[in-house]
C-alpha cells in the first residue's frame, strides 16, 4: 500500500476554517507505513520499500497488536526540534550494526497520525474522526519513547502561526469526514509548509569553478507526466525530466562529498531533460541516468519555472524518480 498524500495549499490564505477541518503539525521526518503481521514489522516508504532495518529502536511497534497498519513519520529530534537531515541519513543505513549505533546516538520516534488496519479490520473507508478515535484508544498505554500520536488542533490559523514561530515545518489540515485514499493525492488533506521544499531528480552535475574534480552543483528536474499519469520516457527507455534548475548551495563539505560519491556510481547518459538549457549552464556538465532523488529547499519557482535560491537538504533514498510524477502534476 502507498500512503495518502496531501494537496499543496496557499500559505498566504492559510488552513481552512470551521468545524469540518482538523489540523496537525507537519513533521519534518520520513513518511512510513508501519505494518505489523505475524510478529514482524515492516516500515515501508512511499515507494513501498521496507527500511525497518534502519530503525531497530522501533521494533516495539510489534507489541501493540498482532495485526496492525499505521501511517506516520519517523522523526529524529535535535534540541527538541525535528531534524530532517538527521532522519534522512538514517534511511541509507543497510546493516544491523550500523543501524544500532545510530539508534543509540540519534534515536527516532514514530509519530503516528492514522490507523488503517487493526486485528484484520480495514479502517480506510471510515471517516478520519473514527480512525483517529481508534488510534488514540490503541496507543493510549504505549510508551511514547518509540511511538507517539500526532496532536490535533481545531484552530488552523493559530497552529500555522505557532509552527512558524517555533520554526517547525508547517501544518496539514484534514477533513474530518474523509476516508483514507491510499496512494492518492487528495484535497481532503491540505499541506501548508513554511519552507517550500520538494523532492527532485538529479539529471547531471557540473564541477566547482576552478576545481574540475569537485562537485559544484547538480542539475535537477521532475519526471514529465504523460496523459495517462505515467512518466514519459525517452527512446532509450530512460525517464524524461522537466528542468527545474541548478542546486549548488548546501553542497559544501561532507554533504557534497557524500553526494559526489553517490553520483559517481550512477551511469552516464544522454541529456535527460525535455528542453535545452543555456550553453553557459550546460558547459562542463556530466549527464546521468535519472536515478537519484534529492530534497531541496527553495523560495518557490521563478517565472521560468526554475527553483528560486535552492539549497540541498539531503538524498531521498526512500523515494524513486517514478514516485515524483504526481509532484509535477500539482
Protein backbone atom coordinates (compact mmCIF):
# COMPACT_ATOMS: atom_id res chain seq x y z
CA UNK A 1 0.00 0.00 0.00
CA UNK A 2 1.10 3.56 -0.71
CA UNK A 3 0.18 6.38 1.67
CA UNK A 4 -2.44 9.05 1.05
CA UNK A 5 -0.88 12.38 0.01
CA UNK A 6 -1.86 15.98 0.74
CA UNK A 7 -2.58 18.70 -1.80
CA UNK A 8 -0.42 21.85 -1.52
CA UNK A 9 -2.33 24.79 -0.03
CA UNK A 10 -1.66 28.52 -0.25
CA UNK A 11 0.17 29.57 2.89
CA UNK A 12 -0.85 33.21 2.38
CA UNK A 13 -4.51 32.09 2.54
CA UNK A 14 -3.95 29.65 5.37
CA UNK A 15 -5.68 26.50 6.61
CA UNK A 16 -9.42 26.14 6.03
CA UNK A 17 -11.50 27.36 8.98
CA UNK A 18 -14.58 25.79 10.55
CA UNK A 19 -15.61 22.61 12.34
CA UNK A 20 -15.27 20.40 9.25
CA UNK A 21 -11.49 20.52 9.46
CA UNK A 22 -8.80 19.48 11.94
CA UNK A 23 -5.14 20.47 11.85
CA UNK A 24 -1.87 18.71 12.65
CA UNK A 25 1.79 19.67 12.82
CA UNK A 26 3.66 18.84 9.63
CA UNK A 27 6.53 16.77 10.96
CA UNK A 28 9.96 17.04 9.38
CA UNK A 29 10.51 13.30 9.11
CA UNK A 30 10.34 10.34 6.75
CA UNK A 31 6.85 9.13 5.87
CA UNK A 32 6.49 5.43 6.69
CA UNK A 33 3.67 2.92 6.88
CA UNK A 34 4.22 0.67 9.92
CA UNK A 35 2.87 -2.79 9.07
CA UNK A 36 2.81 -5.49 11.78
CA UNK A 37 1.89 -9.04 10.80
CA UNK A 38 2.94 -12.35 12.27
CA UNK A 39 5.27 -10.74 14.79
CA UNK A 40 7.21 -8.93 12.06
CA UNK A 41 7.47 -5.17 11.49
CA UNK A 42 7.75 -3.64 8.03
CA UNK A 43 8.41 0.09 7.67
CA UNK A 44 7.61 0.93 4.07
CA UNK A 45 8.40 4.15 2.24
CA UNK A 46 6.22 5.94 -0.29
CA UNK A 47 7.86 3.70 -2.89
CA UNK A 48 6.88 0.58 -0.87
CA UNK A 49 10.49 -0.21 0.14
CA UNK A 50 10.91 -1.82 3.55
CA UNK A 51 13.57 0.01 5.59
CA UNK A 52 12.81 -1.46 9.03
CA UNK A 53 16.47 -2.50 9.34
CA UNK A 54 17.38 1.20 9.58
CA UNK A 55 15.23 1.78 12.67
CA UNK A 56 15.81 -1.03 15.19
CA UNK A 57 14.58 1.19 18.03
CA UNK A 58 11.06 0.99 16.55
CA UNK A 59 10.72 -2.79 16.84
CA UNK A 60 8.49 -2.25 19.89
CA UNK A 61 5.67 -1.46 17.48
CA UNK A 62 5.28 -5.22 17.11
CA UNK A 63 3.90 -5.43 20.64
CA UNK A 64 0.97 -3.06 20.02
CA UNK A 65 -1.20 -5.56 18.15
CA UNK A 66 -0.87 -8.86 16.29
CA UNK A 67 -2.13 -7.25 13.10
CA UNK A 68 -1.66 -3.52 12.55
CA UNK A 69 -1.12 -0.86 9.89
CA UNK A 70 -0.24 2.69 10.95
CA UNK A 71 0.52 5.78 8.89
CA UNK A 72 3.04 8.21 10.31
CA UNK A 73 6.59 9.52 10.20
CA UNK A 74 9.93 8.55 11.68
CA UNK A 75 11.19 11.70 13.40
CA UNK A 76 14.59 12.46 14.94
CA UNK A 77 14.65 15.33 17.43
CA UNK A 78 17.64 17.63 17.84
CA UNK A 79 17.34 20.14 20.68
CA UNK A 80 13.62 19.37 20.81
CA UNK A 81 13.02 20.11 17.12
CA UNK A 82 12.61 17.60 14.25
CA UNK A 83 15.73 17.36 12.07
CA UNK A 84 15.17 16.19 8.51
CA UNK A 85 18.90 15.92 7.89
CA UNK A 86 19.36 13.53 10.80
CA UNK A 87 16.47 11.24 9.92
CA UNK A 88 17.11 11.10 6.16
CA UNK A 89 20.66 9.94 6.86
CA UNK A 90 19.22 7.01 8.78
CA UNK A 91 17.41 5.81 5.65
CA UNK A 92 20.75 4.98 3.99
CA UNK A 93 21.64 2.52 6.76
CA UNK A 94 21.54 -1.05 5.48
CA UNK A 95 23.38 -3.08 8.14
CA UNK A 96 22.10 -4.02 11.57
CA UNK A 97 25.30 -2.99 13.35
CA UNK A 98 25.36 0.49 11.80
CA UNK A 99 21.65 0.97 12.46
CA UNK A 100 22.08 0.07 16.14
CA UNK A 101 24.92 2.57 16.50
CA UNK A 102 22.82 5.36 15.01
CA UNK A 103 19.79 4.35 17.08
CA UNK A 104 21.83 4.77 20.24
CA UNK A 105 23.03 8.27 19.35
CA UNK A 106 20.13 9.73 17.34
CA UNK A 107 17.04 7.62 18.14
CA UNK A 108 13.89 8.06 16.11
CA UNK A 109 10.30 8.22 17.30
CA UNK A 110 7.42 7.02 15.17
CA UNK A 111 4.81 9.79 15.15
CA UNK A 112 1.53 8.12 14.17
CA UNK A 113 -1.33 10.09 12.67
CA UNK A 114 -3.60 7.44 11.16
CA UNK A 115 -4.79 3.88 11.82
CA UNK A 116 -5.54 1.93 8.65
CA UNK A 117 -5.91 -1.67 9.85
CA UNK A 118 -6.09 -3.45 13.19
CA UNK A 119 -6.81 -7.11 14.01
CA UNK A 120 -7.83 -7.80 10.42
CA UNK A 121 -10.25 -4.86 10.17
CA UNK A 122 -9.69 -2.45 7.27
CA UNK A 123 -10.49 1.06 8.56
CA UNK A 124 -9.65 3.06 5.43
CA UNK A 125 -13.29 3.56 4.39
CA UNK A 126 -14.19 5.08 7.76
CA UNK A 127 -14.13 8.86 8.28
CA UNK A 128 -10.94 10.39 9.69
CA UNK A 129 -12.69 11.11 13.01
CA UNK A 130 -13.46 7.41 13.60
CA UNK A 131 -9.95 6.32 12.66
CA UNK A 132 -8.49 8.98 14.94
CA UNK A 133 -10.55 7.82 17.92
CA UNK A 134 -9.45 4.22 17.34
CA UNK A 135 -5.81 5.33 17.04
CA UNK A 136 -5.89 7.21 20.34
CA UNK A 137 -7.50 4.28 22.15
CA UNK A 138 -5.00 1.82 20.67
CA UNK A 139 -1.90 3.82 21.63
CA UNK A 140 -3.16 5.18 24.94
CA UNK A 141 -0.89 2.98 27.09
CA UNK A 142 2.05 2.59 24.68
CA UNK A 143 5.36 4.21 25.84
CA UNK A 144 5.95 7.40 23.84
CA UNK A 145 9.68 6.78 23.55
CA UNK A 146 9.01 4.65 20.48
CA UNK A 147 5.64 5.84 19.19
CA UNK A 148 3.52 8.90 19.84
CA UNK A 149 0.24 10.21 18.46
CA UNK A 150 0.48 13.42 16.49
CA UNK A 151 -1.60 16.05 18.34
CA UNK A 152 -4.53 17.72 16.57
CA UNK A 153 -5.89 21.26 16.81
CA UNK A 154 -9.16 22.97 15.87
CA UNK A 155 -7.64 26.37 15.04
CA UNK A 156 -5.53 26.04 11.90
CA UNK A 157 -4.54 29.70 11.71
CA UNK A 158 -3.27 29.60 15.28
CA UNK A 159 -1.29 26.42 14.61
CA UNK A 160 0.24 27.85 11.44
CA UNK A 161 1.43 30.92 13.35
CA UNK A 162 2.74 28.82 16.24
CA UNK A 163 4.67 26.42 13.99
CA UNK A 164 6.20 29.37 12.14
CA UNK A 165 7.34 30.91 15.42
CA UNK A 166 8.78 27.60 16.60
CA UNK A 167 10.49 27.02 13.24
CA UNK A 168 8.61 23.80 12.56
CA UNK A 169 7.87 22.58 9.04
CA UNK A 170 4.23 23.62 8.83
CA UNK A 171 0.64 22.34 9.10
CA UNK A 172 -1.51 19.64 7.49
CA UNK A 173 -5.28 20.21 7.51
CA UNK A 174 -7.61 17.20 7.23
CA UNK A 175 -11.32 16.94 6.57
CA UNK A 176 -12.95 15.12 9.49
CA UNK A 177 -15.30 13.11 7.27
CA UNK A 178 -12.61 11.99 4.80
CA UNK A 179 -11.89 8.34 4.08
CA UNK A 180 -8.29 7.25 3.60
CA UNK A 181 -7.46 7.16 -0.12
CA UNK A 182 -4.32 5.05 -0.36
CA UNK A 183 -1.83 6.17 -2.99
CA UNK A 184 -3.86 9.25 -3.95
CA UNK A 185 -3.22 12.97 -3.55
CA UNK A 186 -6.48 14.27 -2.13
CA UNK A 187 -7.98 17.70 -1.49
CA UNK A 188 -9.27 16.25 1.79
CA UNK A 189 -5.74 16.70 3.11
CA UNK A 190 -4.06 20.08 2.51
CA UNK A 191 -0.47 20.94 3.50
CA UNK A 192 0.88 24.37 4.41
CA UNK A 193 4.69 24.30 4.70
CA UNK A 194 6.61 27.31 5.92
CA UNK A 195 9.53 26.42 3.71
CA UNK A 196 8.96 25.46 0.10
CA UNK A 197 10.72 22.11 -0.04
CA UNK A 198 10.34 19.35 -2.54
CA UNK A 199 11.99 16.25 -3.92
CA UNK A 200 13.64 16.42 -7.34
CA UNK A 201 15.68 14.10 -9.55
CA UNK A 202 19.35 14.64 -10.36
CA UNK A 203 19.96 14.60 -14.11
CA UNK A 204 23.56 15.75 -14.09
CA UNK A 205 26.25 17.69 -12.31
CA UNK A 206 28.87 20.31 -13.01
CA UNK A 207 32.21 20.87 -11.26
CA UNK A 208 33.08 23.68 -8.92
CA UNK A 209 34.69 26.63 -10.71
CA UNK A 210 38.45 26.18 -10.75
CA UNK A 211 38.22 22.71 -9.20
CA UNK A 212 37.20 20.32 -12.01
CA UNK A 213 37.15 17.23 -9.81
CA UNK A 214 34.87 18.67 -7.15
CA UNK A 215 31.07 18.76 -7.22
CA UNK A 216 29.87 22.35 -7.64
CA UNK A 217 26.17 21.97 -8.49
CA UNK A 218 23.62 19.42 -9.65
CA UNK A 219 21.09 19.83 -12.44
CA UNK A 220 17.65 18.75 -11.24
CA UNK A 221 14.18 18.20 -12.62
CA UNK A 222 10.93 16.31 -12.25
CA UNK A 223 9.57 13.44 -14.37
CA UNK A 224 7.40 14.63 -17.25
CA UNK A 225 3.90 13.19 -16.71
CA UNK A 226 2.10 11.67 -19.67
CA UNK A 227 -1.66 11.93 -20.35
CA UNK A 228 -2.14 8.62 -18.53
CA UNK A 229 -0.38 9.94 -15.43
CA UNK A 230 2.64 7.73 -16.10
CA UNK A 231 6.12 9.20 -16.61
CA UNK A 232 7.19 9.95 -20.18
CA UNK A 233 10.30 8.09 -21.30
CA UNK A 234 12.90 8.80 -23.96
CA UNK A 235 13.59 6.44 -26.86
CA UNK A 236 16.17 4.56 -24.80
CA UNK A 237 13.62 3.93 -22.03
CA UNK A 238 15.07 6.41 -19.54
CA UNK A 239 12.90 8.95 -17.75
CA UNK A 240 12.45 12.34 -19.35
CA UNK A 241 12.83 15.22 -16.88
CA UNK A 242 11.44 18.75 -16.86
CA UNK A 243 14.27 21.09 -15.87
CA UNK A 244 13.98 22.87 -12.53
CA UNK A 245 17.44 24.44 -12.37
CA UNK A 246 20.82 24.03 -10.69
CA UNK A 247 21.39 23.42 -6.99
CA UNK A 248 24.76 24.41 -5.56
CA UNK A 249 24.00 25.77 -2.11
CA UNK A 250 24.32 23.20 0.66
CA UNK A 251 26.92 21.08 -1.17
CA UNK A 252 29.96 22.30 0.74
CA UNK A 253 31.83 19.93 2.99
CA UNK A 254 30.66 16.45 3.91
CA UNK A 255 27.23 16.71 2.28
CA UNK A 256 28.71 17.45 -1.13
CA UNK A 257 31.37 14.77 -0.78
CA UNK A 258 28.78 12.13 0.05
CA UNK A 259 26.55 13.14 -2.86
CA UNK A 260 29.53 13.16 -5.23
CA UNK A 261 30.43 9.59 -4.24
CA UNK A 262 26.82 8.53 -4.80
CA UNK A 263 26.63 10.17 -8.22
CA UNK A 264 29.94 8.62 -9.26
CA UNK A 265 28.20 5.22 -9.21
CA UNK A 266 25.33 6.39 -11.47
CA UNK A 267 25.80 5.58 -15.18
CA UNK A 268 26.38 8.48 -17.52
CA UNK A 269 23.64 9.12 -20.05
CA UNK A 270 22.41 11.41 -22.79
CA UNK A 271 20.99 14.80 -21.85
CA UNK A 272 17.90 13.82 -19.77
CA UNK A 273 15.77 16.98 -19.87
CA UNK A 274 12.86 17.71 -22.20
CA UNK A 275 14.16 21.12 -23.36
CA UNK A 276 17.65 22.59 -23.85
CA UNK A 277 19.21 24.86 -21.25
CA UNK A 278 21.59 27.76 -21.99
CA UNK A 279 25.04 26.65 -23.09
CA UNK A 280 26.66 28.60 -20.27
CA UNK A 281 24.74 26.48 -17.74
CA UNK A 282 25.41 23.18 -19.50
CA UNK A 283 29.12 23.81 -20.09
CA UNK A 284 31.32 21.25 -18.36
CA UNK A 285 28.36 19.21 -17.12
CA UNK A 286 28.17 15.44 -16.84
CA UNK A 287 24.73 13.97 -17.61
CA UNK A 288 23.45 10.99 -15.67
CA UNK A 289 20.66 8.45 -15.75
CA UNK A 290 17.79 9.91 -13.65
CA UNK A 291 18.08 7.66 -10.61
CA UNK A 292 18.93 9.77 -7.58
CA UNK A 293 16.24 11.75 -5.72
CA UNK A 294 17.29 14.65 -3.51
CA UNK A 295 15.42 17.07 -1.28
CA UNK A 296 15.82 20.81 -1.86
CA UNK A 297 14.50 23.90 -0.10
CA UNK A 298 13.74 26.97 -2.17
CA UNK A 299 11.72 30.17 -2.38
CA UNK A 300 9.33 28.58 -4.86
CA UNK A 301 9.54 28.75 -8.64
CA UNK A 302 10.55 31.65 -10.84
CA UNK A 303 8.55 32.78 -13.88
CA UNK A 304 10.75 30.42 -15.89
CA UNK A 305 9.73 27.51 -13.63
CA UNK A 306 13.18 27.32 -12.03
CA UNK A 307 13.71 26.81 -8.31
CA UNK A 308 14.49 30.15 -6.66
CA UNK A 309 17.58 30.10 -4.43
CA UNK A 310 17.50 26.32 -3.93
CA UNK A 311 19.63 24.58 -1.32
CA UNK A 312 20.44 20.89 -0.98
CA UNK A 313 18.85 19.20 2.05
CA UNK A 314 19.74 15.54 1.60
CA UNK A 315 19.35 12.41 -0.53
CA UNK A 316 15.93 10.75 -0.51
CA UNK A 317 16.86 7.06 -0.59
CA UNK A 318 13.24 6.30 0.34
CA UNK A 319 11.94 7.66 -2.99
CA UNK A 320 12.38 6.73 -6.64
CA UNK A 321 12.03 9.15 -9.57
CA UNK A 322 8.75 7.46 -10.52
CA UNK A 323 7.35 8.38 -7.10
CA UNK A 324 7.58 12.06 -8.08
CA UNK A 325 5.28 12.03 -11.10
CA UNK A 326 2.39 13.39 -9.02
CA UNK A 327 4.63 16.18 -7.72
CA UNK A 328 4.81 17.59 -11.26
CA UNK A 329 1.03 17.39 -11.62
CA UNK A 330 0.37 19.61 -8.55
